[in-house]
Amino acid sequence: TITGNFASVIHGLNANHLTDQVIERSKRMILDTLGVGLLGTSTEVCHKVIQYSKIYSSDLSSTIWGHLDFRLPPLYAAFVNGVAVHSMDFDDTWHPATHPSGAVLPAVIALSEAFPQKKKISGLDLLLAFNVGIEVQGRLLRFSSEARNIPKRY
C-alpha cells in the first residue's frame, strides 16, 4: 500500500543517508530557523502562547528559545517555539508553499531535550531526525491534492 511503502521508506532512513551536502544544507536551515525563532520570541503572538502554555507542567521539560529561565513540557515548548518561528514568516519555504523547518525543528529540539541525561542524542542523531521530519513533510505534501492546488487558488 502507499501507506506501507511510505512507512518503510521513513523507517529505513539512517545516518548513512546524510550526504555531506545534506548535512551542510541542514545546518544552514537549522541556523536560519533558530535565528528567525529567536527574533519571533519578541512578537505579541509568541507572548500570548507563552502565557497560555504556562498552565501546563510536567516532569519533563524543554527550553523556550530566548527564555533560559522558563521551561515547558516538550509538547508545549515545541508549540511555543514553532509559533515564534512562524510569527516572523521569514523561515525557509518550498513550493507548494510550506515552511518545513519551522514545523520540524522545534519538535526535534524539544524532544531531544526530554531524553534522560544518560540517553542524550548526538548531533548526527538530531540531524537525522530533522531530515526525517523534512522528508515526511515533503512526502505528505506530494500526496496532498490540496497542496497541488495552492498556486491556482492564489
N, C-alpha and C. Protein backbone atom coordinates (compact mmCIF):
# COMPACT_ATOMS: atom_id res chain seq x y z
N THR A 1 0.84 -1.19 0.00
CA THR A 1 0.00 0.00 0.00
C THR A 1 0.88 1.25 0.00
N ILE A 2 0.28 2.35 -0.32
CA ILE A 2 1.02 3.61 -0.30
C ILE A 2 1.50 3.91 1.11
N THR A 3 0.63 3.69 2.08
CA THR A 3 0.99 3.97 3.48
C THR A 3 2.12 3.05 3.94
N GLY A 4 2.04 1.77 3.59
CA GLY A 4 3.09 0.83 3.96
C GLY A 4 4.42 1.18 3.33
N ASN A 5 4.38 1.56 2.06
CA ASN A 5 5.60 1.97 1.36
C ASN A 5 6.19 3.22 2.02
N PHE A 6 5.34 4.18 2.33
CA PHE A 6 5.76 5.42 2.98
C PHE A 6 6.43 5.10 4.32
N ALA A 7 5.79 4.27 5.12
CA ALA A 7 6.34 3.90 6.43
C ALA A 7 7.67 3.16 6.28
N SER A 8 7.78 2.29 5.30
CA SER A 8 9.03 1.54 5.09
C SER A 8 10.19 2.46 4.72
N VAL A 9 9.91 3.40 3.84
CA VAL A 9 10.97 4.34 3.44
C VAL A 9 11.43 5.16 4.63
N ILE A 10 10.49 5.71 5.37
CA ILE A 10 10.84 6.56 6.52
C ILE A 10 11.55 5.74 7.59
N HIS A 11 11.06 4.56 7.86
CA HIS A 11 11.68 3.70 8.88
C HIS A 11 13.09 3.28 8.47
N GLY A 12 13.33 3.19 7.19
CA GLY A 12 14.63 2.74 6.70
C GLY A 12 15.69 3.82 6.63
N LEU A 13 15.34 5.06 6.88
CA LEU A 13 16.32 6.13 6.82
C LEU A 13 17.28 6.04 8.00
N ASN A 14 18.55 6.27 7.73
CA ASN A 14 19.56 6.27 8.80
C ASN A 14 20.65 7.27 8.46
N ALA A 15 21.58 7.42 9.37
CA ALA A 15 22.63 8.44 9.22
C ALA A 15 23.46 8.25 7.95
N ASN A 16 23.52 7.04 7.42
CA ASN A 16 24.26 6.81 6.17
C ASN A 16 23.63 7.54 4.98
N HIS A 17 22.37 7.90 5.09
CA HIS A 17 21.69 8.62 4.02
C HIS A 17 22.01 10.12 4.02
N LEU A 18 22.67 10.58 5.06
CA LEU A 18 23.00 12.01 5.16
C LEU A 18 24.32 12.28 4.44
N THR A 19 24.23 12.77 3.23
CA THR A 19 25.43 13.12 2.47
C THR A 19 26.02 14.40 3.05
N ASP A 20 27.23 14.70 2.67
CA ASP A 20 27.86 15.95 3.12
C ASP A 20 27.02 17.16 2.72
N GLN A 21 26.47 17.12 1.51
CA GLN A 21 25.65 18.23 1.03
C GLN A 21 24.37 18.37 1.87
N VAL A 22 23.74 17.25 2.20
CA VAL A 22 22.53 17.29 3.03
C VAL A 22 22.86 17.82 4.42
N ILE A 23 23.96 17.41 4.98
CA ILE A 23 24.36 17.88 6.31
C ILE A 23 24.61 19.38 6.29
N GLU A 24 25.32 19.87 5.30
CA GLU A 24 25.59 21.31 5.21
C GLU A 24 24.31 22.12 5.05
N ARG A 25 23.43 21.65 4.16
CA ARG A 25 22.15 22.37 3.96
C ARG A 25 21.30 22.32 5.22
N SER A 26 21.31 21.19 5.89
CA SER A 26 20.53 21.05 7.12
C SER A 26 21.03 22.00 8.19
N LYS A 27 22.32 22.12 8.33
CA LYS A 27 22.89 23.05 9.31
C LYS A 27 22.48 24.47 9.00
N ARG A 28 22.48 24.83 7.73
CA ARG A 28 22.08 26.19 7.33
C ARG A 28 20.59 26.40 7.62
N MET A 29 19.77 25.41 7.33
CA MET A 29 18.34 25.51 7.60
C MET A 29 18.08 25.63 9.10
N ILE A 30 18.81 24.86 9.90
CA ILE A 30 18.64 24.89 11.35
C ILE A 30 19.07 26.25 11.90
N LEU A 31 20.21 26.75 11.46
CA LEU A 31 20.69 28.05 11.92
C LEU A 31 19.70 29.15 11.55
N ASP A 32 19.19 29.13 10.34
CA ASP A 32 18.21 30.11 9.89
C ASP A 32 16.95 30.03 10.74
N THR A 33 16.48 28.83 11.00
CA THR A 33 15.25 28.65 11.78
C THR A 33 15.44 29.12 13.23
N LEU A 34 16.59 28.82 13.82
CA LEU A 34 16.86 29.29 15.18
C LEU A 34 16.89 30.82 15.23
N GLY A 35 17.52 31.44 14.23
CA GLY A 35 17.59 32.90 14.19
C GLY A 35 16.22 33.53 14.06
N VAL A 36 15.41 33.02 13.15
CA VAL A 36 14.07 33.54 12.97
C VAL A 36 13.23 33.28 14.22
N GLY A 37 13.40 32.11 14.83
CA GLY A 37 12.66 31.78 16.05
C GLY A 37 13.03 32.69 17.21
N LEU A 38 14.32 32.98 17.37
CA LEU A 38 14.73 33.88 18.44
C LEU A 38 14.15 35.28 18.23
N LEU A 39 14.15 35.75 17.00
CA LEU A 39 13.54 37.05 16.70
C LEU A 39 12.03 36.99 17.00
N GLY A 40 11.41 35.87 16.67
CA GLY A 40 9.97 35.71 16.87
C GLY A 40 9.54 35.66 18.33
N THR A 41 10.47 35.41 19.25
CA THR A 41 10.10 35.38 20.66
C THR A 41 9.67 36.75 21.18
N SER A 42 9.96 37.79 20.41
CA SER A 42 9.58 39.14 20.84
C SER A 42 8.21 39.56 20.31
N THR A 43 7.54 38.70 19.56
CA THR A 43 6.25 39.06 18.98
C THR A 43 5.11 38.91 19.98
N GLU A 44 4.06 39.65 19.74
CA GLU A 44 2.88 39.60 20.62
C GLU A 44 2.26 38.20 20.64
N VAL A 45 2.15 37.56 19.48
CA VAL A 45 1.54 36.24 19.43
C VAL A 45 2.37 35.23 20.23
N CYS A 46 3.67 35.34 20.18
CA CYS A 46 4.52 34.44 20.95
C CYS A 46 4.30 34.67 22.45
N HIS A 47 4.21 35.91 22.86
CA HIS A 47 3.96 36.21 24.28
C HIS A 47 2.62 35.62 24.72
N LYS A 48 1.62 35.65 23.85
CA LYS A 48 0.31 35.09 24.19
C LYS A 48 0.37 33.57 24.36
N VAL A 49 1.07 32.89 23.46
CA VAL A 49 1.13 31.42 23.60
C VAL A 49 1.99 31.01 24.79
N ILE A 50 2.97 31.82 25.14
CA ILE A 50 3.75 31.54 26.36
C ILE A 50 2.83 31.65 27.57
N GLN A 51 2.05 32.70 27.65
CA GLN A 51 1.13 32.86 28.78
C GLN A 51 0.12 31.71 28.84
N TYR A 52 -0.40 31.33 27.70
CA TYR A 52 -1.34 30.21 27.63
C TYR A 52 -0.67 28.92 28.11
N SER A 53 0.53 28.68 27.67
CA SER A 53 1.22 27.42 27.95
C SER A 53 1.73 27.30 29.38
N LYS A 54 1.83 28.42 30.10
CA LYS A 54 2.34 28.39 31.48
C LYS A 54 1.47 27.55 32.41
N ILE A 55 0.24 27.26 32.03
CA ILE A 55 -0.63 26.47 32.90
C ILE A 55 -0.27 24.99 32.88
N TYR A 56 0.60 24.58 31.96
CA TYR A 56 0.96 23.18 31.82
C TYR A 56 2.31 22.91 32.47
N SER A 57 2.39 21.77 33.12
CA SER A 57 3.66 21.38 33.73
C SER A 57 3.85 19.88 33.56
N SER A 58 5.07 19.47 33.74
CA SER A 58 5.43 18.06 33.56
C SER A 58 6.78 17.83 34.21
N ASP A 59 7.07 16.57 34.49
CA ASP A 59 8.41 16.23 34.99
C ASP A 59 9.45 16.43 33.89
N LEU A 60 9.03 16.27 32.64
CA LEU A 60 9.92 16.51 31.51
C LEU A 60 9.77 17.96 31.09
N SER A 61 10.88 18.58 30.72
CA SER A 61 10.77 19.97 30.26
C SER A 61 11.78 20.26 29.17
N SER A 62 11.42 21.24 28.37
CA SER A 62 12.26 21.68 27.26
C SER A 62 12.34 23.19 27.25
N THR A 63 13.38 23.70 26.63
CA THR A 63 13.67 25.12 26.61
C THR A 63 12.71 25.90 25.72
N ILE A 64 12.35 27.08 26.19
CA ILE A 64 11.66 28.05 25.35
C ILE A 64 12.75 28.99 24.85
N TRP A 65 12.92 29.05 23.54
CA TRP A 65 14.00 29.83 22.96
C TRP A 65 13.92 31.28 23.43
N GLY A 66 15.06 31.81 23.83
CA GLY A 66 15.13 33.20 24.28
C GLY A 66 14.68 33.39 25.72
N HIS A 67 14.31 32.31 26.41
CA HIS A 67 13.83 32.38 27.80
C HIS A 67 14.51 31.29 28.61
N LEU A 68 15.75 31.48 28.93
CA LEU A 68 16.51 30.44 29.62
C LEU A 68 15.99 30.12 31.02
N ASP A 69 15.23 31.02 31.60
CA ASP A 69 14.70 30.81 32.95
C ASP A 69 13.34 30.13 32.96
N PHE A 70 12.84 29.76 31.80
CA PHE A 70 11.48 29.25 31.69
C PHE A 70 11.47 28.01 30.79
N ARG A 71 10.89 26.93 31.27
CA ARG A 71 10.80 25.69 30.50
C ARG A 71 9.37 25.18 30.53
N LEU A 72 9.02 24.39 29.53
CA LEU A 72 7.69 23.81 29.42
C LEU A 72 7.79 22.33 29.08
N PRO A 73 6.69 21.58 29.24
CA PRO A 73 6.68 20.21 28.73
C PRO A 73 7.02 20.22 27.24
N PRO A 74 7.67 19.18 26.74
CA PRO A 74 8.12 19.18 25.33
C PRO A 74 7.05 19.56 24.31
N LEU A 75 5.84 19.08 24.48
CA LEU A 75 4.76 19.40 23.54
C LEU A 75 4.53 20.91 23.47
N TYR A 76 4.50 21.56 24.62
CA TYR A 76 4.23 23.00 24.63
C TYR A 76 5.46 23.82 24.28
N ALA A 77 6.63 23.32 24.60
CA ALA A 77 7.86 24.00 24.16
C ALA A 77 7.93 24.00 22.64
N ALA A 78 7.62 22.87 22.03
CA ALA A 78 7.62 22.78 20.56
C ALA A 78 6.58 23.73 19.98
N PHE A 79 5.41 23.80 20.61
CA PHE A 79 4.35 24.69 20.16
C PHE A 79 4.80 26.15 20.23
N VAL A 80 5.30 26.57 21.39
CA VAL A 80 5.72 27.96 21.57
C VAL A 80 6.85 28.32 20.61
N ASN A 81 7.86 27.45 20.51
CA ASN A 81 8.99 27.74 19.62
C ASN A 81 8.56 27.73 18.16
N GLY A 82 7.63 26.85 17.80
CA GLY A 82 7.10 26.84 16.43
C GLY A 82 6.34 28.11 16.11
N VAL A 83 5.55 28.60 17.07
CA VAL A 83 4.84 29.86 16.88
C VAL A 83 5.84 30.99 16.71
N ALA A 84 6.90 30.98 17.52
CA ALA A 84 7.93 32.03 17.40
C ALA A 84 8.52 32.04 16.00
N VAL A 85 8.83 30.87 15.46
CA VAL A 85 9.40 30.80 14.11
C VAL A 85 8.40 31.31 13.08
N HIS A 86 7.19 30.83 13.15
CA HIS A 86 6.19 31.20 12.13
C HIS A 86 5.68 32.62 12.28
N SER A 87 5.81 33.21 13.47
CA SER A 87 5.29 34.56 13.65
C SER A 87 6.05 35.59 12.82
N MET A 88 7.26 35.28 12.47
CA MET A 88 8.05 36.20 11.64
C MET A 88 7.85 35.92 10.15
N ASP A 89 7.51 34.69 9.81
CA ASP A 89 7.27 34.27 8.43
C ASP A 89 8.48 34.47 7.52
N PHE A 90 9.68 34.45 8.10
CA PHE A 90 10.90 34.53 7.31
C PHE A 90 11.61 33.18 7.23
N ASP A 91 11.01 32.15 7.81
CA ASP A 91 11.66 30.85 7.79
C ASP A 91 11.60 30.25 6.38
N ASP A 92 12.38 29.21 6.18
CA ASP A 92 12.51 28.64 4.84
C ASP A 92 11.16 28.14 4.32
N THR A 93 11.10 28.03 3.00
CA THR A 93 9.87 27.60 2.35
C THR A 93 10.21 26.81 1.09
N TRP A 94 9.25 26.05 0.64
CA TRP A 94 9.39 25.40 -0.66
C TRP A 94 8.05 25.43 -1.35
N HIS A 95 8.03 25.03 -2.62
CA HIS A 95 6.81 25.09 -3.41
C HIS A 95 6.26 23.69 -3.60
N PRO A 96 4.94 23.46 -3.43
CA PRO A 96 3.96 24.44 -3.00
C PRO A 96 4.24 24.91 -1.58
N ALA A 97 3.67 26.04 -1.26
CA ALA A 97 4.02 26.77 -0.04
C ALA A 97 3.90 25.94 1.24
N THR A 98 5.00 25.80 1.90
CA THR A 98 5.07 25.22 3.24
C THR A 98 6.39 25.67 3.85
N HIS A 99 6.46 25.64 5.14
CA HIS A 99 7.66 26.05 5.87
C HIS A 99 8.19 24.82 6.61
N PRO A 100 9.07 24.05 6.00
CA PRO A 100 9.46 22.77 6.58
C PRO A 100 10.19 22.86 7.91
N SER A 101 11.17 23.71 8.02
CA SER A 101 11.99 23.73 9.24
C SER A 101 11.23 24.24 10.45
N GLY A 102 10.35 25.20 10.25
CA GLY A 102 9.61 25.78 11.36
C GLY A 102 8.66 24.80 12.02
N ALA A 103 8.24 23.80 11.28
CA ALA A 103 7.37 22.78 11.85
C ALA A 103 8.17 21.64 12.48
N VAL A 104 9.33 21.36 11.93
CA VAL A 104 10.10 20.19 12.36
C VAL A 104 11.10 20.51 13.47
N LEU A 105 11.88 21.56 13.33
CA LEU A 105 12.97 21.81 14.28
C LEU A 105 12.50 22.02 15.71
N PRO A 106 11.46 22.81 15.98
CA PRO A 106 11.04 22.96 17.37
C PRO A 106 10.66 21.63 18.03
N ALA A 107 10.01 20.75 17.28
CA ALA A 107 9.64 19.43 17.82
C ALA A 107 10.87 18.58 18.08
N VAL A 108 11.80 18.55 17.14
CA VAL A 108 13.00 17.74 17.29
C VAL A 108 13.83 18.20 18.49
N ILE A 109 13.99 19.51 18.63
CA ILE A 109 14.79 20.02 19.75
C ILE A 109 14.08 19.76 21.08
N ALA A 110 12.78 20.02 21.14
CA ALA A 110 12.04 19.79 22.38
C ALA A 110 12.11 18.32 22.81
N LEU A 111 11.96 17.43 21.86
CA LEU A 111 12.03 16.00 22.19
C LEU A 111 13.44 15.60 22.60
N SER A 112 14.45 16.15 21.93
CA SER A 112 15.82 15.78 22.26
C SER A 112 16.18 16.22 23.67
N GLU A 113 15.64 17.35 24.11
CA GLU A 113 15.91 17.83 25.47
C GLU A 113 15.20 16.98 26.53
N ALA A 114 14.16 16.29 26.14
CA ALA A 114 13.38 15.50 27.10
C ALA A 114 14.02 14.15 27.41
N PHE A 115 15.00 13.74 26.61
CA PHE A 115 15.68 12.47 26.88
C PHE A 115 16.44 12.56 28.20
N PRO A 116 16.48 11.47 28.96
CA PRO A 116 17.31 11.48 30.18
C PRO A 116 18.77 11.74 29.83
N GLN A 117 19.50 12.33 30.76
CA GLN A 117 20.90 12.70 30.53
C GLN A 117 21.72 11.54 29.99
N LYS A 118 21.50 10.35 30.49
CA LYS A 118 22.31 9.20 30.05
C LYS A 118 21.92 8.69 28.67
N LYS A 119 20.83 9.20 28.10
CA LYS A 119 20.39 8.76 26.78
C LYS A 119 20.34 9.91 25.78
N LYS A 120 21.10 10.96 26.03
CA LYS A 120 21.09 12.12 25.14
C LYS A 120 21.47 11.70 23.73
N ILE A 121 20.87 12.36 22.76
CA ILE A 121 21.17 12.02 21.37
C ILE A 121 22.35 12.84 20.88
N SER A 122 23.00 12.34 19.86
CA SER A 122 24.16 13.02 19.28
C SER A 122 23.69 14.07 18.28
N GLY A 123 24.62 14.91 17.87
CA GLY A 123 24.33 15.90 16.83
C GLY A 123 23.91 15.23 15.53
N LEU A 124 24.54 14.11 15.21
CA LEU A 124 24.18 13.38 13.99
C LEU A 124 22.76 12.82 14.10
N ASP A 125 22.40 12.33 15.29
CA ASP A 125 21.04 11.85 15.51
C ASP A 125 20.03 12.98 15.32
N LEU A 126 20.37 14.16 15.82
CA LEU A 126 19.49 15.31 15.68
C LEU A 126 19.34 15.68 14.21
N LEU A 127 20.45 15.68 13.47
CA LEU A 127 20.37 15.97 12.03
C LEU A 127 19.53 14.94 11.30
N LEU A 128 19.66 13.67 11.68
CA LEU A 128 18.86 12.63 11.05
C LEU A 128 17.38 12.85 11.36
N ALA A 129 17.04 13.09 12.62
CA ALA A 129 15.64 13.32 12.99
C ALA A 129 15.07 14.53 12.25
N PHE A 130 15.85 15.58 12.16
CA PHE A 130 15.43 16.78 11.43
C PHE A 130 15.14 16.43 9.97
N ASN A 131 16.04 15.70 9.33
CA ASN A 131 15.86 15.35 7.92
C ASN A 131 14.73 14.36 7.71
N VAL A 132 14.51 13.45 8.64
CA VAL A 132 13.37 12.54 8.53
C VAL A 132 12.08 13.36 8.61
N GLY A 133 12.03 14.33 9.53
CA GLY A 133 10.86 15.19 9.62
C GLY A 133 10.61 15.97 8.35
N ILE A 134 11.67 16.49 7.75
CA ILE A 134 11.54 17.22 6.49
C ILE A 134 11.06 16.28 5.39
N GLU A 135 11.61 15.07 5.36
CA GLU A 135 11.21 14.07 4.35
C GLU A 135 9.74 13.70 4.51
N VAL A 136 9.30 13.48 5.74
CA VAL A 136 7.89 13.15 5.98
C VAL A 136 7.01 14.29 5.48
N GLN A 137 7.36 15.51 5.85
CA GLN A 137 6.56 16.65 5.42
C GLN A 137 6.53 16.75 3.89
N GLY A 138 7.67 16.59 3.25
CA GLY A 138 7.72 16.68 1.79
C GLY A 138 6.90 15.60 1.11
N ARG A 139 6.98 14.39 1.63
CA ARG A 139 6.21 13.30 1.02
C ARG A 139 4.72 13.49 1.25
N LEU A 140 4.32 13.91 2.43
CA LEU A 140 2.91 14.18 2.68
C LEU A 140 2.40 15.30 1.78
N LEU A 141 3.22 16.29 1.57
CA LEU A 141 2.87 17.39 0.69
C LEU A 141 2.64 16.88 -0.74
N ARG A 142 3.50 15.98 -1.18
CA ARG A 142 3.36 15.43 -2.54
C ARG A 142 2.11 14.57 -2.67
N PHE A 143 1.69 13.91 -1.57
CA PHE A 143 0.49 13.08 -1.60
C PHE A 143 -0.79 13.92 -1.60
N SER A 144 -0.70 15.17 -1.21
CA SER A 144 -1.87 16.00 -0.98
C SER A 144 -2.37 16.65 -2.27
N SER A 145 -3.60 16.38 -2.62
CA SER A 145 -4.17 17.06 -3.78
C SER A 145 -4.44 18.52 -3.46
N GLU A 146 -4.72 18.83 -2.18
CA GLU A 146 -4.91 20.22 -1.78
C GLU A 146 -3.64 21.04 -2.01
N ALA A 147 -2.49 20.47 -1.66
CA ALA A 147 -1.24 21.20 -1.82
C ALA A 147 -0.95 21.52 -3.27
N ARG A 148 -1.29 20.60 -4.15
CA ARG A 148 -1.03 20.84 -5.57
C ARG A 148 -1.87 22.01 -6.10
N ASN A 149 -2.99 22.28 -5.47
CA ASN A 149 -3.87 23.34 -5.95
C ASN A 149 -3.60 24.70 -5.30
N ILE A 150 -2.65 24.78 -4.39
CA ILE A 150 -2.39 26.05 -3.71
C ILE A 150 -2.06 27.17 -4.71
N PRO A 151 -1.16 26.95 -5.67
CA PRO A 151 -0.85 28.07 -6.60
C PRO A 151 -2.07 28.53 -7.40
N LYS A 152 -2.99 27.64 -7.73
CA LYS A 152 -4.16 28.02 -8.50
C LYS A 152 -5.13 28.86 -7.68
N ARG A 153 -5.14 28.65 -6.36
CA ARG A 153 -6.07 29.38 -5.50
C ARG A 153 -5.61 30.78 -5.20
N TYR A 154 -4.33 31.08 -5.38
CA TYR A 154 -3.83 32.41 -5.02
C TYR A 154 -3.48 33.19 -6.23
